[in-house]
């Protein structure tokens, strides 16, 4: 094996192993067990406390710092791995264009175990692509890292109805394994050909070099690529974090709970989800929290699909590395898939709700009410009432060892003549959410995949 390739494989293994064991999977395990809280609008960890009373510019500035602080470990890993991949790909032969579907599958196999958010996997995809990897492989690795990680999948089935979790996974695989290969082969054919032509003639492998020369040349290439990656991705990272914080500060995610379902509102939610640069697993935790607060299934499905798989940061990276056409096409495709998933989820939820109402009406809400206030349908299903009266002859009733039971008759009620309380409607005090509990507030246990997750 080429000595440089062997060195780089060892370096990649050390970087990945250290990150997974010391940072990423312990952090994901903490999030999965419910011990991670969102301390800021886009951050799990807040270096600086942000108060609502602060001026807008100050909240945006502090929240941007918190966002960078939350993502620092993932971004460092992404930059280091991007450098190593870019260097490794430069030392490998490329023999013609390979199958686009196989490329997407290889990218998924590389990205799924990484366990980093799409913002941190974007530099990795950049390093792979500029080192010579195909468009499909690079993009598949970027998309699969935040969405197909085993811990995130476990959280997904633990926290959401089964149909929402399955829809998210199915759409993710559809995007990665079908849409990306088709785009690479037919839509982005020009970009793919130019990329292939610019790398196919490179042959930097030398079988006769000694280990000392291989180490020196590898270190030299790593240093050059590292400074290149840092120079091109870090400024864009800070810009993406700033823009995301501005958007979520002006339109907090909790406001989406009050949105009504229509094309405009769903398109706005799809744009927000596709735009925001969130940390790893933030989408699962944030959307679950919003659902508990009353977020409609359509909006929950849109956010759950769009939030983790793309953002404004990959938009910047892909625009620079591949082309603006590729970047904005992917942004639009993710938005449209999210929008479609929202309509599908809402349609299924409406269908399920209608079945619940029909069942309730059939078994508990048919027939005429009598003096008892119960419908005839309910009375037919009720067992015959058996009354058993226990006559207590004295205050002493029962004793056993050191336990005694006594009974005392109720005292007669003394009427005061006037009501001690005055009735007021909650609207007069700004309480605009009424306690209207019905059968529709129940969610059948069969809709949740807790057993599958475990």
Protein backbone atom coordinates (compact mmCIF):
# COMPACT_ATOMS: atom_id res chain seq x y z
CA UNK A 1 0.00 0.00 0.00
CA UNK A 2 1.11 3.59 -0.67
CA UNK A 3 2.89 4.82 2.47
CA UNK A 4 1.14 8.20 2.37
CA UNK A 5 -2.27 6.54 2.07
CA UNK A 6 -1.45 4.26 4.99
CA UNK A 7 -0.40 7.24 7.13
CA UNK A 8 -3.56 9.15 6.29
CA UNK A 9 -5.82 6.19 7.06
CA UNK A 10 -4.19 5.95 10.50
CA UNK A 11 -4.58 9.72 11.01
CA UNK A 12 -8.28 9.59 10.05
CA UNK A 13 -8.85 6.63 12.38
CA UNK A 14 -7.18 8.46 15.28
CA UNK A 15 -9.14 11.68 14.67
CA UNK A 16 -12.47 9.84 14.35
CA UNK A 17 -11.84 7.49 17.27
CA UNK A 18 -10.84 10.32 19.59
CA UNK A 19 -13.83 12.45 18.66
CA UNK A 20 -16.35 9.61 18.90
CA UNK A 21 -15.12 8.25 22.23
CA UNK A 22 -14.31 11.50 24.03
CA UNK A 23 -16.92 13.90 22.70
CA UNK A 24 -19.56 12.97 20.17
CA UNK A 25 -21.16 9.77 21.43
CA UNK A 26 -21.04 10.75 25.13
CA UNK A 27 -22.76 14.00 24.15
CA UNK A 28 -25.36 12.19 22.02
CA UNK A 29 -25.99 9.74 24.84
CA UNK A 30 -26.61 12.65 27.20
CA UNK A 31 -29.08 14.17 24.74
CA UNK A 32 -30.81 10.84 24.22
CA UNK A 33 -31.29 10.39 27.97
CA UNK A 34 -32.95 13.81 28.22
CA UNK A 35 -30.20 15.55 30.17
CA UNK A 36 -29.46 18.24 27.57
CA UNK A 37 -31.42 21.47 27.64
CA UNK A 38 -31.57 24.24 25.07
CA UNK A 39 -29.93 27.11 26.89
CA UNK A 40 -30.28 29.57 24.00
CA UNK A 41 -32.29 29.96 20.81
CA UNK A 42 -29.95 27.77 18.70
CA UNK A 43 -27.64 26.32 21.33
CA UNK A 44 -27.48 23.55 23.88
CA UNK A 45 -24.74 25.38 25.79
CA UNK A 46 -24.82 29.09 26.56
CA UNK A 47 -21.49 30.70 27.33
CA UNK A 48 -23.31 34.00 27.90
CA UNK A 49 -26.81 34.33 29.35
CA UNK A 50 -29.17 36.12 26.96
CA UNK A 51 -32.02 38.10 28.52
CA UNK A 52 -35.18 39.23 26.72
CA UNK A 53 -34.67 42.73 28.09
CA UNK A 54 -31.39 43.14 26.19
CA UNK A 55 -31.34 45.21 22.99
CA UNK A 56 -31.76 43.23 19.76
CA UNK A 57 -28.17 43.69 18.59
CA UNK A 58 -26.83 42.48 21.94
CA UNK A 59 -29.04 39.38 21.95
CA UNK A 60 -27.96 38.53 18.40
CA UNK A 61 -24.28 39.03 19.21
CA UNK A 62 -24.35 36.94 22.40
CA UNK A 63 -26.47 34.19 20.80
CA UNK A 64 -24.01 33.99 17.89
CA UNK A 65 -21.19 33.46 20.39
CA UNK A 66 -23.26 30.76 22.11
CA UNK A 67 -23.92 29.08 18.77
CA UNK A 68 -20.21 29.00 17.94
CA UNK A 69 -19.45 27.69 21.44
CA UNK A 70 -21.99 24.85 21.09
CA UNK A 71 -20.62 23.83 17.69
CA UNK A 72 -16.91 24.26 18.45
CA UNK A 73 -16.06 20.58 18.98
CA UNK A 74 -17.99 19.40 15.95
CA UNK A 75 -16.48 22.12 13.78
CA UNK A 76 -12.93 21.30 14.90
CA UNK A 77 -13.56 17.65 14.09
CA UNK A 78 -15.09 18.62 10.74
CA UNK A 79 -12.12 20.79 9.78
CA UNK A 80 -9.56 18.16 10.81
CA UNK A 81 -11.38 15.36 9.02
CA UNK A 82 -11.94 17.55 5.95
CA UNK A 83 -8.19 18.20 5.84
CA UNK A 84 -7.37 14.50 6.14
CA UNK A 85 -9.93 13.44 3.52
CA UNK A 86 -8.82 16.13 1.10
CA UNK A 87 -5.21 15.01 1.46
CA UNK A 88 -6.09 11.32 1.20
CA UNK A 89 -8.18 11.75 -1.94
CA UNK A 90 -5.28 13.61 -3.54
CA UNK A 91 -3.07 10.52 -3.20
CA UNK A 92 -5.58 8.05 -4.67
CA UNK A 93 -6.01 6.98 -8.30
CA UNK A 94 -9.33 7.70 -10.01
CA UNK A 95 -10.19 5.39 -12.89
CA UNK A 96 -13.15 6.89 -14.70
CA UNK A 97 -16.61 7.80 -13.43
CA UNK A 98 -18.23 5.20 -11.21
CA UNK A 99 -21.90 4.33 -10.75
CA UNK A 100 -23.80 7.30 -9.28
CA UNK A 101 -26.01 5.10 -7.09
CA UNK A 102 -22.97 3.28 -5.73
CA UNK A 103 -21.35 6.65 -4.99
CA UNK A 104 -24.39 7.71 -2.95
CA UNK A 105 -24.33 4.45 -1.02
CA UNK A 106 -20.61 4.84 -0.25
CA UNK A 107 -21.19 8.39 0.94
CA UNK A 108 -23.98 7.21 3.24
CA UNK A 109 -21.72 4.51 4.70
CA UNK A 110 -19.05 7.16 5.38
CA UNK A 111 -21.37 9.82 6.79
CA UNK A 112 -23.81 7.89 8.99
CA UNK A 113 -21.26 6.92 11.69
CA UNK A 114 -19.69 10.41 11.83
CA UNK A 115 -22.37 11.75 14.15
CA UNK A 116 -21.89 15.46 13.38
CA UNK A 117 -24.45 18.07 12.38
CA UNK A 118 -24.79 19.17 8.78
CA UNK A 119 -22.80 22.32 9.55
CA UNK A 120 -19.84 20.25 10.71
CA UNK A 121 -20.18 17.67 7.94
CA UNK A 122 -20.22 20.38 5.24
CA UNK A 123 -16.43 21.01 5.55
CA UNK A 124 -15.91 17.23 5.40
CA UNK A 125 -17.93 17.07 2.17
CA UNK A 126 -15.91 20.00 0.84
CA UNK A 127 -12.62 18.27 1.65
CA UNK A 128 -13.78 15.02 0.05
CA UNK A 129 -15.04 16.76 -3.09
CA UNK A 130 -12.04 19.02 -3.61
CA UNK A 131 -9.75 16.09 -2.96
CA UNK A 132 -11.36 14.24 -5.85
CA UNK A 133 -14.36 12.38 -4.43
CA UNK A 134 -17.52 12.38 -6.55
CA UNK A 135 -20.35 14.84 -6.02
CA UNK A 136 -22.77 12.09 -5.00
CA UNK A 137 -20.40 10.57 -2.43
CA UNK A 138 -19.55 13.94 -0.87
CA UNK A 139 -23.15 15.14 -0.62
CA UNK A 140 -24.43 11.77 0.62
CA UNK A 141 -21.86 11.83 3.43
CA UNK A 142 -22.95 15.36 4.36
CA UNK A 143 -26.67 14.53 4.38
CA UNK A 144 -26.41 11.17 6.17
CA UNK A 145 -24.20 12.28 9.07
CA UNK A 146 -26.87 14.27 10.99
CA UNK A 147 -29.87 12.17 9.94
CA UNK A 148 -28.93 8.47 9.91
CA UNK A 149 -26.83 8.24 13.05
CA UNK A 150 -27.98 5.35 15.26
CA UNK A 151 -28.40 7.52 18.38
CA UNK A 152 -30.47 10.10 16.52
CA UNK A 153 -32.64 7.35 15.03
CA UNK A 154 -33.23 5.94 18.51
CA UNK A 155 -34.28 9.37 19.78
CA UNK A 156 -36.54 9.78 16.76
CA UNK A 157 -38.56 6.63 17.46
CA UNK A 158 -38.60 7.34 21.19
CA UNK A 159 -40.07 10.82 20.97
CA UNK A 160 -42.35 10.91 17.92
CA UNK A 161 -45.38 9.07 16.56
CA UNK A 162 -44.35 6.12 14.44
CA UNK A 163 -45.67 7.58 11.18
CA UNK A 164 -43.65 10.79 11.61
CA UNK A 165 -40.42 8.93 12.35
CA UNK A 166 -40.87 6.58 9.38
CA UNK A 167 -41.73 9.48 7.05
CA UNK A 168 -38.56 11.35 8.00
CA UNK A 169 -36.33 8.32 7.44
CA UNK A 170 -38.03 7.37 4.16
CA UNK A 171 -37.68 10.89 2.74
CA UNK A 172 -34.06 11.10 3.87
CA UNK A 173 -33.17 7.85 2.11
CA UNK A 174 -35.16 8.95 -0.94
CA UNK A 175 -33.15 12.16 -1.14
CA UNK A 176 -29.77 10.53 -0.59
CA UNK A 177 -30.07 7.29 -2.54
CA UNK A 178 -32.32 8.34 -5.41
CA UNK A 179 -32.56 12.10 -5.92
CA UNK A 180 -28.83 12.82 -5.44
CA UNK A 181 -27.65 10.18 -7.97
CA UNK A 182 -30.23 11.36 -10.53
CA UNK A 183 -29.19 14.98 -10.05
CA UNK A 184 -25.50 14.11 -10.35
CA UNK A 185 -26.03 12.11 -13.54
CA UNK A 186 -28.57 14.27 -15.40
CA UNK A 187 -29.09 17.71 -13.83
CA UNK A 188 -25.57 18.55 -12.60
CA UNK A 189 -23.87 16.69 -15.43
CA UNK A 190 -21.77 19.70 -16.44
CA UNK A 191 -20.41 20.27 -12.92
CA UNK A 192 -19.72 16.56 -12.47
CA UNK A 193 -17.82 16.30 -15.77
CA UNK A 194 -15.69 19.36 -15.01
CA UNK A 195 -14.88 17.97 -11.59
CA UNK A 196 -13.99 14.57 -13.03
CA UNK A 197 -11.76 16.09 -15.73
CA UNK A 198 -9.88 18.24 -13.22
CA UNK A 199 -8.91 15.23 -11.08
CA UNK A 200 -8.68 12.19 -13.35
CA UNK A 201 -5.12 12.88 -14.57
CA UNK A 202 -3.62 13.33 -11.13
CA UNK A 203 -1.26 10.53 -10.07
CA UNK A 204 0.78 11.48 -7.05
CA UNK A 205 1.49 7.96 -5.83
CA UNK A 206 5.08 6.86 -5.50
CA UNK A 207 5.72 3.24 -4.54
CA UNK A 208 9.47 3.65 -4.05
CA UNK A 209 9.55 6.48 -1.50
CA UNK A 210 10.90 5.77 1.99
CA UNK A 211 8.94 6.32 5.19
CA UNK A 212 10.73 9.53 6.18
CA UNK A 213 9.98 11.14 2.83
CA UNK A 214 6.38 9.92 2.98
CA UNK A 215 5.89 11.41 6.45
CA UNK A 216 7.40 14.77 5.44
CA UNK A 217 5.34 15.05 2.28
CA UNK A 218 2.17 14.00 4.06
CA UNK A 219 2.66 16.55 6.84
CA UNK A 220 3.38 19.24 4.26
CA UNK A 221 0.18 18.44 2.34
CA UNK A 222 -1.86 18.28 5.53
CA UNK A 223 -0.62 21.70 6.65
CA UNK A 224 -1.38 23.27 3.29
CA UNK A 225 -4.86 21.78 3.11
CA UNK A 226 -5.58 22.64 6.75
CA UNK A 227 -4.93 26.35 6.26
CA UNK A 228 -6.93 26.27 3.04
CA UNK A 229 -9.95 24.64 4.76
CA UNK A 230 -9.79 27.03 7.73
CA UNK A 231 -9.52 30.06 5.47
CA UNK A 232 -12.50 29.04 3.35
CA UNK A 233 -14.94 27.58 5.91
CA UNK A 234 -14.50 29.43 9.22
CA UNK A 235 -15.64 32.91 8.03
CA UNK A 236 -18.66 31.34 6.34
CA UNK A 237 -19.39 29.37 9.51
CA UNK A 238 -19.57 32.54 11.60
CA UNK A 239 -21.69 34.27 8.96
CA UNK A 240 -24.12 31.33 8.86
CA UNK A 241 -24.41 31.30 12.66
CA UNK A 242 -25.07 35.04 12.70
CA UNK A 243 -27.79 34.82 10.02
CA UNK A 244 -29.45 31.88 11.75
CA UNK A 245 -29.51 33.71 15.09
CA UNK A 246 -30.98 36.83 13.44
CA UNK A 247 -33.79 34.77 11.92
CA UNK A 248 -34.67 32.86 15.07
CA UNK A 249 -34.45 36.04 17.20
CA UNK A 250 -36.89 37.89 14.95
CA UNK A 251 -39.16 34.85 14.63
CA UNK A 252 -38.73 32.54 17.65
CA UNK A 253 -39.55 28.90 17.00
CA UNK A 254 -42.15 28.86 19.79
CA UNK A 255 -44.24 31.33 17.74
CA UNK A 256 -44.84 28.57 15.20
CA UNK A 257 -47.25 26.95 17.66
CA UNK A 258 -49.84 29.63 16.80
CA UNK A 259 -49.48 29.26 13.00
CA UNK A 260 -52.52 28.14 11.03
CA UNK A 261 -52.14 25.54 8.30
CA UNK A 262 -52.00 27.02 4.82
CA UNK A 263 -49.54 27.13 1.93
CA UNK A 264 -47.94 30.40 3.00
CA UNK A 265 -47.35 29.41 6.63
CA UNK A 266 -46.09 25.96 5.68
CA UNK A 267 -43.71 27.48 3.11
CA UNK A 268 -42.40 29.88 5.76
CA UNK A 269 -41.80 26.98 8.17
CA UNK A 270 -40.07 24.97 5.41
CA UNK A 271 -37.78 27.92 4.66
CA UNK A 272 -36.94 28.41 8.34
CA UNK A 273 -36.16 24.71 8.78
CA UNK A 274 -33.97 24.55 5.69
CA UNK A 275 -32.15 27.79 6.57
CA UNK A 276 -31.32 27.45 10.27
CA UNK A 277 -27.85 26.06 11.15
CA UNK A 278 -28.64 23.90 14.17
CA UNK A 279 -26.40 21.68 16.36
CA UNK A 280 -26.53 17.88 16.30
CA UNK A 281 -29.89 16.41 17.46
CA UNK A 282 -31.30 19.91 18.04
CA UNK A 283 -34.05 19.20 15.51
CA UNK A 284 -35.33 16.12 17.36
CA UNK A 285 -35.34 17.77 20.79
CA UNK A 286 -36.69 21.16 19.65
CA UNK A 287 -39.52 19.74 17.53
CA UNK A 288 -40.57 17.32 20.29
CA UNK A 289 -40.70 20.23 22.75
CA UNK A 290 -42.77 22.30 20.32
CA UNK A 291 -45.17 19.40 19.76
CA UNK A 292 -45.73 19.17 23.50
CA UNK A 293 -46.57 22.88 23.40
CA UNK A 294 -49.18 22.31 20.68
CA UNK A 295 -47.32 22.50 17.35
CA UNK A 296 -49.47 21.03 14.59
CA UNK A 297 -48.30 17.76 12.99
CA UNK A 298 -47.80 19.43 9.60
CA UNK A 299 -45.31 21.95 10.98
CA UNK A 300 -43.65 19.33 13.17
CA UNK A 301 -43.06 17.06 10.18
CA UNK A 302 -41.67 19.92 8.07
CA UNK A 303 -39.25 21.02 10.77
CA UNK A 304 -38.20 17.49 11.64
CA UNK A 305 -37.18 16.80 8.05
CA UNK A 306 -35.67 20.15 7.05
CA UNK A 307 -33.93 21.32 10.23
CA UNK A 308 -31.16 18.74 10.45
CA UNK A 309 -30.43 17.84 6.84
CA UNK A 310 -29.51 21.24 5.36
CA UNK A 311 -28.87 24.86 6.35
CA UNK A 312 -27.50 28.15 5.12
CA UNK A 313 -23.94 27.00 5.93
CA UNK A 314 -23.89 24.03 3.49
CA UNK A 315 -25.51 26.45 1.03
CA UNK A 316 -22.42 28.67 1.30
CA UNK A 317 -19.95 25.75 1.19
CA UNK A 318 -21.55 24.04 -1.81
CA UNK A 319 -21.80 27.36 -3.67
CA UNK A 320 -18.04 27.83 -3.32
CA UNK A 321 -16.95 24.22 -3.87
CA UNK A 322 -19.40 23.03 -6.54
CA UNK A 323 -21.64 25.74 -7.94
CA UNK A 324 -24.43 28.09 -6.92
CA UNK A 325 -26.80 26.08 -9.11
CA UNK A 326 -26.13 22.92 -7.13
CA UNK A 327 -26.41 24.73 -3.79
CA UNK A 328 -29.69 26.54 -4.43
CA UNK A 329 -31.21 23.51 -6.18
CA UNK A 330 -30.54 21.38 -3.09
CA UNK A 331 -31.97 24.11 -0.84
CA UNK A 332 -35.17 24.19 -2.94
CA UNK A 333 -35.45 20.39 -3.09
CA UNK A 334 -35.14 20.05 0.70
CA UNK A 335 -37.78 22.77 1.13
CA UNK A 336 -40.18 21.07 -1.29
CA UNK A 337 -39.71 17.64 0.26
CA UNK A 338 -40.33 19.15 3.69
CA UNK A 339 -43.45 20.89 2.41
CA UNK A 340 -44.77 17.65 0.90
CA UNK A 341 -44.04 15.73 4.09
CA UNK A 342 -46.01 18.33 6.05
CA UNK A 343 -49.09 17.92 3.87
CA UNK A 344 -48.81 14.13 4.08
CA UNK A 345 -48.45 14.16 7.88
CA UNK A 346 -51.39 16.51 8.32
CA UNK A 347 -53.56 14.44 5.97
CA UNK A 348 -52.80 11.27 7.93
CA UNK A 349 -53.39 13.04 11.25
CA UNK A 350 -56.77 14.32 9.98
CA UNK A 351 -57.67 10.80 8.83
CA UNK A 352 -56.65 9.35 12.22
CA UNK A 353 -58.60 12.06 14.06
CA UNK A 354 -61.70 11.37 11.98
CA UNK A 355 -61.49 7.68 12.88
CA UNK A 356 -61.23 8.54 16.57
CA UNK A 357 -64.27 10.84 16.35
CA UNK A 358 -66.26 8.23 14.43
CA UNK A 359 -65.41 5.57 16.98
CA UNK A 360 -66.36 7.90 19.84
CA UNK A 361 -69.64 8.85 18.21
CA UNK A 362 -70.49 5.23 17.49
CA UNK A 363 -69.82 3.91 20.97
CA UNK A 364 -70.25 6.85 23.34
CA UNK A 365 -72.16 9.66 21.66
CA UNK A 366 -75.28 8.15 20.08
CA UNK A 367 -78.84 7.99 21.35
CA UNK A 368 -80.93 10.31 23.48
CA UNK A 369 -79.93 11.48 26.94
CA UNK A 370 -82.21 10.71 29.87
CA UNK A 371 -82.41 12.11 33.36
CA UNK A 372 -79.08 10.57 34.27
CA UNK A 373 -77.31 12.60 31.56
CA UNK A 374 -76.09 9.39 29.86
CA UNK A 375 -76.97 8.45 26.32
CA UNK A 376 -78.83 5.24 25.61
CA UNK A 377 -75.78 3.87 23.76
CA UNK A 378 -73.65 4.27 26.86
CA UNK A 379 -76.31 2.83 29.16
CA UNK A 380 -76.58 -0.33 27.05
CA UNK A 381 -72.86 -0.96 27.51
CA UNK A 382 -72.86 -0.28 31.27
CA UNK A 383 -73.11 -3.22 33.68
CA UNK A 384 -76.05 -3.33 36.07
CA UNK A 385 -75.39 -1.19 39.09
CA UNK A 386 -75.31 -3.04 42.39
CA UNK A 387 -75.79 -0.92 45.48
CA UNK A 388 -74.61 -2.18 48.83
CA UNK A 389 -75.27 -0.03 51.84
CA UNK A 390 -73.19 -0.48 54.97
CA UNK A 391 -75.06 0.67 58.07
CA UNK A 392 -72.67 2.10 60.63
CA UNK A 393 -74.19 1.75 64.06
CA UNK A 394 -71.50 3.52 66.01
CA UNK A 395 -68.41 5.66 65.54
CA UNK A 396 -66.19 2.66 66.15
CA UNK A 397 -66.02 0.47 63.01
CA UNK A 398 -62.97 -1.84 62.90
CA UNK A 399 -59.64 -2.49 64.57
CA UNK A 400 -56.67 -4.73 63.91
CA UNK A 401 -53.60 -4.70 66.13
CA UNK A 402 -52.63 -1.02 66.36
CA UNK A 403 -54.94 0.10 63.54
CA UNK A 404 -58.42 1.46 64.26
CA UNK A 405 -61.05 2.67 61.83
CA UNK A 406 -63.84 4.94 63.02
CA UNK A 407 -66.68 6.64 61.21
CA UNK A 408 -68.14 10.06 61.84
CA UNK A 409 -71.37 11.31 60.31
CA UNK A 410 -71.21 14.30 57.98
CA UNK A 411 -72.13 17.55 59.63
CA UNK A 412 -75.05 19.47 58.28
CA UNK A 413 -74.11 22.18 55.80
CA UNK A 414 -74.63 25.75 56.99
CA UNK A 415 -75.68 28.02 54.13
CA UNK A 416 -74.27 31.54 54.24
CA UNK A 417 -76.95 33.01 52.02
CA UNK A 418 -74.47 34.63 49.59
CA UNK A 419 -71.84 33.09 47.35
CA UNK A 420 -68.35 33.47 48.82
CA UNK A 421 -66.79 33.71 45.33
CA UNK A 422 -67.42 35.82 42.26
CA UNK A 423 -67.17 34.29 38.77
CA UNK A 424 -64.84 35.97 36.26
CA UNK A 425 -63.99 34.91 32.74
CA UNK A 426 -60.30 34.24 32.11
CA UNK A 427 -60.31 36.47 29.01
CA UNK A 428 -60.60 39.48 31.30
CA UNK A 429 -57.15 38.65 32.69
CA UNK A 430 -55.48 37.80 29.40
CA UNK A 431 -56.01 34.02 29.74
CA UNK A 432 -56.91 33.35 26.10
CA UNK A 433 -56.22 29.60 26.11
CA UNK A 434 -59.20 27.70 27.47
CA UNK A 435 -59.16 24.28 29.05
CA UNK A 436 -61.13 22.38 26.42
CA UNK A 437 -60.31 18.73 26.98
CA UNK A 438 -61.88 16.11 24.74
CA UNK A 439 -61.28 12.69 23.25
CA UNK A 440 -59.12 14.36 20.60
CA UNK A 441 -56.48 15.07 23.25
CA UNK A 442 -55.71 11.36 23.52
CA UNK A 443 -53.00 9.80 21.35
CA UNK A 444 -53.30 6.01 20.92
CA UNK A 445 -50.21 4.24 22.29
CA UNK A 446 -49.89 2.31 19.02
CA UNK A 447 -48.76 5.48 17.29
CA UNK A 448 -45.53 5.63 19.29
CA UNK A 449 -42.46 3.50 18.68
CA UNK A 450 -41.00 3.21 22.16
CA UNK A 451 -40.61 -0.55 21.82
CA UNK A 452 -38.83 -0.20 18.47
CA UNK A 453 -36.45 2.39 19.92
CA UNK A 454 -35.55 0.21 22.88
